[in-house]
Protein backbone atom coordinates (compact mmCIF):
# COMPACT_ATOMS: atom_id res chain seq x y z
CA MET A 1 -0.10 0.11 -0.07
CA THR A 2 1.23 3.29 -0.83
CA SER A 3 1.05 6.76 0.68
CA THR A 4 -0.59 7.86 -2.41
CA GLU A 5 -3.39 5.69 -2.27
CA TRP A 6 -4.48 6.45 1.63
CA SER A 7 -3.27 10.04 0.87
CA THR A 8 -1.33 10.14 4.43
CA GLU A 9 0.34 13.12 3.15
CA LEU A 10 -2.75 15.23 3.18
CA LEU A 11 -2.75 14.85 6.93
CA ASP A 12 -2.28 18.03 9.11
CA LEU A 13 -0.69 16.02 11.81
CA ASP A 14 -0.36 18.93 14.29
CA ALA A 15 -3.89 19.90 14.15
CA TYR A 16 -4.98 16.01 14.73
CA LEU A 17 -2.79 15.73 17.57
CA ARG A 18 -4.54 18.98 19.30
CA ARG A 19 -7.78 17.51 18.41
CA ILE A 20 -7.05 14.61 20.80
CA ALA A 21 -4.94 16.56 22.96
CA HIS A 22 -2.02 14.26 22.72
CA PRO A 23 1.63 15.36 22.18
CA ARG A 24 3.78 14.19 18.90
CA VAL A 25 5.42 11.07 20.17
CA GLY A 26 7.76 8.18 18.52
CA PRO A 27 6.52 4.76 17.69
CA SER A 28 5.94 2.55 20.83
CA ALA A 29 3.69 -0.25 22.43
CA GLU A 30 3.16 2.40 25.30
CA ASN A 31 2.56 5.53 22.69
CA LEU A 32 0.09 3.44 20.71
CA ARG A 33 -1.78 2.72 23.92
CA SER A 34 -2.01 6.41 25.06
CA LEU A 35 -2.64 7.72 21.32
CA HIS A 36 -5.53 5.14 21.14
CA ALA A 37 -7.19 6.09 24.48
CA ALA A 38 -6.86 9.75 23.45
CA HIS A 39 -8.53 9.41 19.99
CA VAL A 40 -11.42 7.54 21.53
CA ARG A 41 -12.00 9.83 24.52
CA ALA A 42 -12.01 13.07 22.10
CA ILE A 43 -13.80 12.04 18.94
CA PRO A 44 -17.24 10.78 18.99
CA PHE A 45 -18.77 7.79 17.12
CA GLU A 46 -21.76 9.25 14.87
CA ASN A 47 -23.78 8.93 11.81
CA ALA A 48 -25.52 12.23 11.67
CA ASP A 49 -24.18 13.17 7.98
CA VAL A 50 -25.58 9.80 7.01
CA ILE A 51 -28.93 10.42 8.38
CA LEU A 52 -28.81 14.04 6.93
CA GLY A 53 -27.78 12.93 3.62
CA THR A 54 -24.76 14.92 3.63
CA HIS A 55 -22.07 12.44 4.15
CA PRO A 56 -18.73 13.64 2.68
CA GLY A 57 -17.12 10.21 1.90
CA VAL A 58 -14.26 8.25 3.27
CA GLY A 59 -11.55 10.10 1.54
CA LEU A 60 -8.93 11.49 3.88
CA ASP A 61 -9.30 15.27 3.08
CA ALA A 62 -13.31 15.02 3.86
CA ILE A 63 -12.45 12.86 6.91
CA GLN A 64 -9.87 15.33 8.29
CA ALA A 65 -11.98 18.38 7.41
CA LYS A 66 -15.08 16.74 9.43
CA LEU A 67 -13.44 15.08 12.46
CA VAL A 68 -10.78 17.44 12.84
CA GLY A 69 -11.68 21.01 11.28
CA ARG A 70 -15.27 20.89 12.36
CA GLN A 71 -14.62 18.82 15.60
CA ARG A 72 -17.17 16.38 14.72
CA GLY A 73 -17.43 12.37 14.84
CA GLY A 74 -17.88 9.91 12.29
CA TYR A 75 -18.32 6.27 12.29
CA CYS A 76 -15.44 3.22 11.82
CA TYR A 77 -14.14 4.00 8.34
CA GLU A 78 -13.57 7.78 9.02
CA HIS A 79 -12.23 7.10 12.47
CA ALA A 80 -9.75 3.96 11.44
CA LEU A 81 -8.73 5.66 8.41
CA LEU A 82 -7.76 9.09 10.13
CA PHE A 83 -6.01 6.87 12.95
CA ALA A 84 -4.02 4.91 10.54
CA ALA A 85 -2.71 8.01 8.69
CA ALA A 86 -1.74 9.95 12.08
CA LEU A 87 0.12 6.58 13.12
CA GLU A 88 1.89 6.03 9.94
CA ARG A 89 3.19 9.76 10.10
CA LEU A 90 4.32 9.09 13.63
CA GLY A 91 6.36 5.98 12.18
CA PHE A 92 4.32 3.10 13.15
CA GLU A 93 3.61 0.10 10.69
CA VAL A 94 0.06 -0.16 9.94
CA GLU A 95 -2.26 -2.53 7.83
CA ARG A 96 -5.66 -1.55 7.18
CA ARG A 97 -8.09 -4.33 7.53
CA MET A 98 -11.76 -5.21 7.08
CA ALA A 99 -14.04 -7.19 9.84
CA ARG A 100 -17.26 -9.06 10.04
CA VAL A 101 -19.64 -7.82 12.49
CA GLN A 102 -21.45 -10.50 14.60
CA PRO A 103 -19.77 -13.30 12.75
CA HIS A 104 -21.94 -15.99 14.86
CA ARG A 105 -25.00 -14.44 13.43
CA SER A 106 -23.50 -14.02 9.72
CA GLY A 107 -23.20 -10.19 10.00
CA PRO A 108 -22.09 -8.19 7.09
CA ARG A 109 -18.11 -7.78 6.67
CA THR A 110 -18.39 -3.87 7.15
CA HIS A 111 -16.14 -3.09 10.18
CA MET A 112 -12.46 -1.32 9.72
CA VAL A 113 -9.69 -2.26 11.93
CA LEU A 114 -6.05 -1.77 12.02
CA LEU A 115 -3.22 -3.95 12.69
CA VAL A 116 -0.17 -2.11 14.07
CA ARG A 117 3.40 -3.38 14.59
CA VAL A 118 5.84 -1.65 16.87
CA ASP A 119 8.42 -2.62 19.35
CA GLY A 120 8.55 -6.28 17.75
CA GLN A 121 4.73 -6.84 18.49
CA GLU A 122 1.31 -6.74 16.83
CA PHE A 123 -1.79 -5.19 17.84
CA GLN A 124 -5.40 -4.73 16.77
CA ALA A 125 -6.27 -1.16 16.90
CA ASP A 126 -9.88 -0.55 16.85
CA VAL A 127 -10.91 3.13 17.30
CA GLY A 128 -14.34 3.03 15.71
CA PHE A 129 -16.41 0.25 16.83
CA GLY A 130 -19.26 2.20 18.47
CA ALA A 131 -16.50 3.58 21.07
CA GLY A 132 -16.44 0.35 22.70
CA VAL A 133 -12.56 -0.40 22.44
CA LEU A 134 -10.79 2.32 24.46
CA TYR A 135 -7.30 0.57 23.98
CA PRO A 136 -5.33 -1.80 21.46
CA MET A 137 -5.62 -5.46 21.73
CA PRO A 138 -2.32 -7.32 21.73
CA LEU A 139 -2.68 -9.73 18.78
CA LYS A 140 -2.32 -12.82 21.00
CA ASP A 141 -4.51 -15.91 21.06
CA GLY A 142 -6.66 -15.52 24.24
CA VAL A 143 -5.60 -12.15 25.30
CA VAL A 144 -8.04 -10.51 27.65
CA VAL A 145 -7.97 -6.58 27.95
CA ASP A 146 -10.13 -4.43 30.15
CA GLN A 147 -11.94 -1.94 28.10
CA ALA A 148 -12.77 0.73 30.41
CA GLY A 149 -14.39 -1.59 32.78
CA TRP A 150 -15.68 -4.37 30.35
CA GLU A 151 -13.26 -7.42 29.46
CA HIS A 152 -12.71 -8.11 25.77
CA GLN A 153 -10.97 -11.05 24.52
CA LEU A 154 -8.80 -11.77 21.15
CA THR A 155 -8.83 -15.31 19.74
CA SER A 156 -7.55 -16.74 16.58
CA ASP A 157 -8.68 -19.57 14.22
CA GLY A 158 -5.81 -19.56 11.98
CA GLU A 159 -5.40 -16.19 10.33
CA LEU A 160 -9.31 -15.09 11.50
CA TRP A 161 -9.25 -12.93 14.80
CA THR A 162 -12.36 -12.77 16.73
CA LEU A 163 -12.98 -9.98 19.11
CA SER A 164 -15.28 -10.97 21.89
CA LYS A 165 -17.04 -9.09 24.97
CA ARG A 166 -17.62 -10.72 28.16
CA THR A 167 -21.24 -10.36 29.22
CA ALA A 168 -23.49 -11.77 31.83
CA ASP A 169 -24.16 -14.66 29.29
CA GLY A 170 -20.17 -15.32 28.43
CA TRP A 171 -18.26 -14.21 25.78
CA VAL A 172 -20.14 -12.72 22.70
CA PRO A 173 -18.46 -12.42 19.38
CA LEU A 174 -18.39 -8.49 18.26
CA HIS A 175 -16.50 -8.94 14.93
CA ALA A 176 -13.73 -11.02 13.13
CA SER A 177 -11.14 -9.81 11.03
CA SER A 178 -8.42 -11.55 8.71
CA ALA A 179 -5.09 -10.68 7.06
CA GLU A 180 -6.67 -10.01 3.55
CA PRO A 181 -5.08 -6.95 1.88
CA GLN A 182 -7.61 -3.78 1.70
CA ARG A 183 -7.78 -1.03 -0.88
CA LEU A 184 -9.28 2.45 -0.30
CA ILE A 185 -12.22 1.18 -2.82
CA ASP A 186 -13.05 -1.58 -0.40
CA TYR A 187 -13.90 1.07 2.42
CA GLU A 188 -15.77 3.17 -0.17
CA VAL A 189 -17.92 0.01 -1.26
CA ALA A 190 -18.44 -0.87 2.41
CA HIS A 191 -19.28 2.71 3.25
CA HIS A 192 -22.00 3.11 0.41
CA TYR A 193 -23.68 0.09 1.90
CA VAL A 194 -23.74 1.33 5.68
CA ALA A 195 -24.85 4.69 4.64
CA THR A 196 -27.55 3.69 2.16
CA HIS A 197 -28.70 0.29 2.69
CA PRO A 198 -32.15 -0.12 4.05
CA HIS A 199 -30.94 -3.05 6.31
CA SER A 200 -27.91 -1.00 7.50
CA PRO A 201 -28.31 -0.20 11.22
CA PHE A 202 -26.70 3.27 10.63
CA SER A 203 -28.87 4.32 7.26
CA THR A 204 -32.45 4.76 8.99
CA LYS A 205 -31.66 6.10 12.79
CA LEU A 206 -29.63 8.54 14.47
CA VAL A 207 -26.52 6.84 16.25
CA VAL A 208 -24.50 8.21 18.94
CA MET A 209 -21.67 6.66 21.09
CA ARG A 210 -19.47 7.67 23.89
CA LEU A 211 -17.08 5.53 26.31
CA SER A 212 -15.36 7.02 29.36
CA ASP A 213 -13.98 4.77 32.37
CA GLY A 214 -16.71 2.70 33.73
CA VAL A 215 -19.47 4.15 31.52
CA SER A 216 -20.66 3.82 28.02
CA ARG A 217 -23.61 6.08 26.53
CA ARG A 218 -25.36 5.54 23.31
CA LEU A 219 -28.08 7.36 21.44
CA VAL A 220 -30.34 5.44 18.96
CA GLY A 221 -32.79 7.13 17.34
CA ASP A 222 -34.72 8.93 20.23
CA GLU A 223 -33.31 6.49 23.25
CA LEU A 224 -30.66 7.38 25.30
CA THR A 225 -29.22 4.59 27.18
CA THR A 226 -26.34 4.80 29.97
CA GLU A 227 -24.61 1.44 30.88
CA TYR A 228 -22.24 1.21 33.91
CA ALA A 229 -19.28 -1.50 34.13
CA ASP A 230 -21.05 -2.65 37.39
CA GLY A 231 -24.06 -3.67 35.21
CA ARG A 232 -26.63 -0.98 35.90
CA THR A 233 -28.32 0.33 32.73
CA GLU A 234 -30.43 3.49 32.66
CA SER A 235 -32.65 4.52 29.52
CA ARG A 236 -34.62 7.32 28.59
CA GLN A 237 -36.61 8.84 25.61
CA VAL A 238 -35.19 12.09 24.13
CA SER A 239 -37.62 14.87 23.06
CA ARG A 240 -37.11 16.96 20.11
CA ASN A 241 -36.64 20.10 22.09
CA GLU A 242 -33.62 18.42 23.90
CA LEU A 243 -32.09 16.67 21.09
CA GLY A 244 -29.30 19.59 20.66
CA THR A 245 -28.35 19.60 24.52
CA VAL A 246 -28.17 15.80 24.66
CA LEU A 247 -26.05 15.74 21.31
CA ALA A 248 -23.78 18.63 22.87
CA ASP A 249 -23.42 16.50 25.94
CA LEU A 250 -22.09 13.73 23.60
CA ASP A 251 -19.59 16.13 22.10
CA VAL A 252 -21.44 16.45 18.74
CA ILE A 253 -22.10 19.94 17.92
CA LEU A 254 -24.43 20.33 15.02
CA THR A 255 -25.72 23.73 13.31
CA ASP A 256 -29.28 24.95 14.02
CA GLU A 257 -30.15 24.00 10.31
CA GLU A 258 -28.96 20.38 11.07
CA LEU A 259 -30.51 20.01 14.16
CA ALA A 260 -33.83 21.30 12.84
CA GLN A 261 -33.35 18.57 9.76
CA LEU A 262 -32.71 15.84 12.30
CA GLY A 263 -35.89 16.98 14.57
CA ASN A 264 -37.94 16.80 11.48
CA GLN A 265 -37.07 13.22 10.61
CA ARG A 266 -37.72 11.61 13.97
C-alpha cells in the first residue's frame, strides 16, 4: 500500500494531535495505547451526516475536514482511516483490514480495524467500533484486555481473529477480521452499503456512542441508554426540544439547520 493511495500526506498531523490533546510521540507500544485512548475519548462515534444525507465520503481530506476541522465525529471508516494516517506519520507500521460484524450471526463484513506493528509486537487497533474499545488489543490468542471496565478477548482460528466481549451470558463475538489486504475502494464500497442500504443499522436511525471509564453512553434514534461497568443500565427517551443539548453532551455539535433537519426526521 502506498501513501498516495491512502493520502496520508494530506493529514495535518499537528491539528489532529491538538484535536485529541496528545503530544507528538515516536512509535512504541506505550504510545500506541496512549494515542488510541486519546482518540476514542476525544472524537465521538456518530452518523448524523448519514441521516442528513450529507456524508462527505471516506477520503482522508473529507474525514480531516469533518473530524478535525469541524471537530465532529464519524463512524468506523472515518475513525480508522484518520487514525491509520496519523500512526503512519508518527512512524508506526499499519495494515488496514476489514472485519465481519457479529460473525456468529452471519453479519456483514463492514467494519474497519487496523493491525499495528511496533516494538516487535502486533496489535489490533479499533478506534471506531461504536466507541467500545479504548485500548489496542495485543494480537495474541486468548488475550483479555479491560476496556474501560468491560473485558474484551481476542481469539484466533488460523489467520481469523475474533474480538469478543464478556457479558452476563459469557463471551459474545463482536467482529472477526482476517489478514486479507484492503484497498481504499473496499472501504468506499462498504461505506456505500452502511450509509444507504435499508437494512444497515446506520442508514435509518441517528446513532451516537461515547465511552469513558466505567460508563458507556449511546443514543439510538430517540432513546438514550447509559450502561455502567457494574451492570447498571439507565434508559430514557429524548424529546425533539432537548436533542441539541443531549448531542452536545455527547460532544456532537451540529448547526441549527442540521438540528432542525434531524428533528423533522424523528
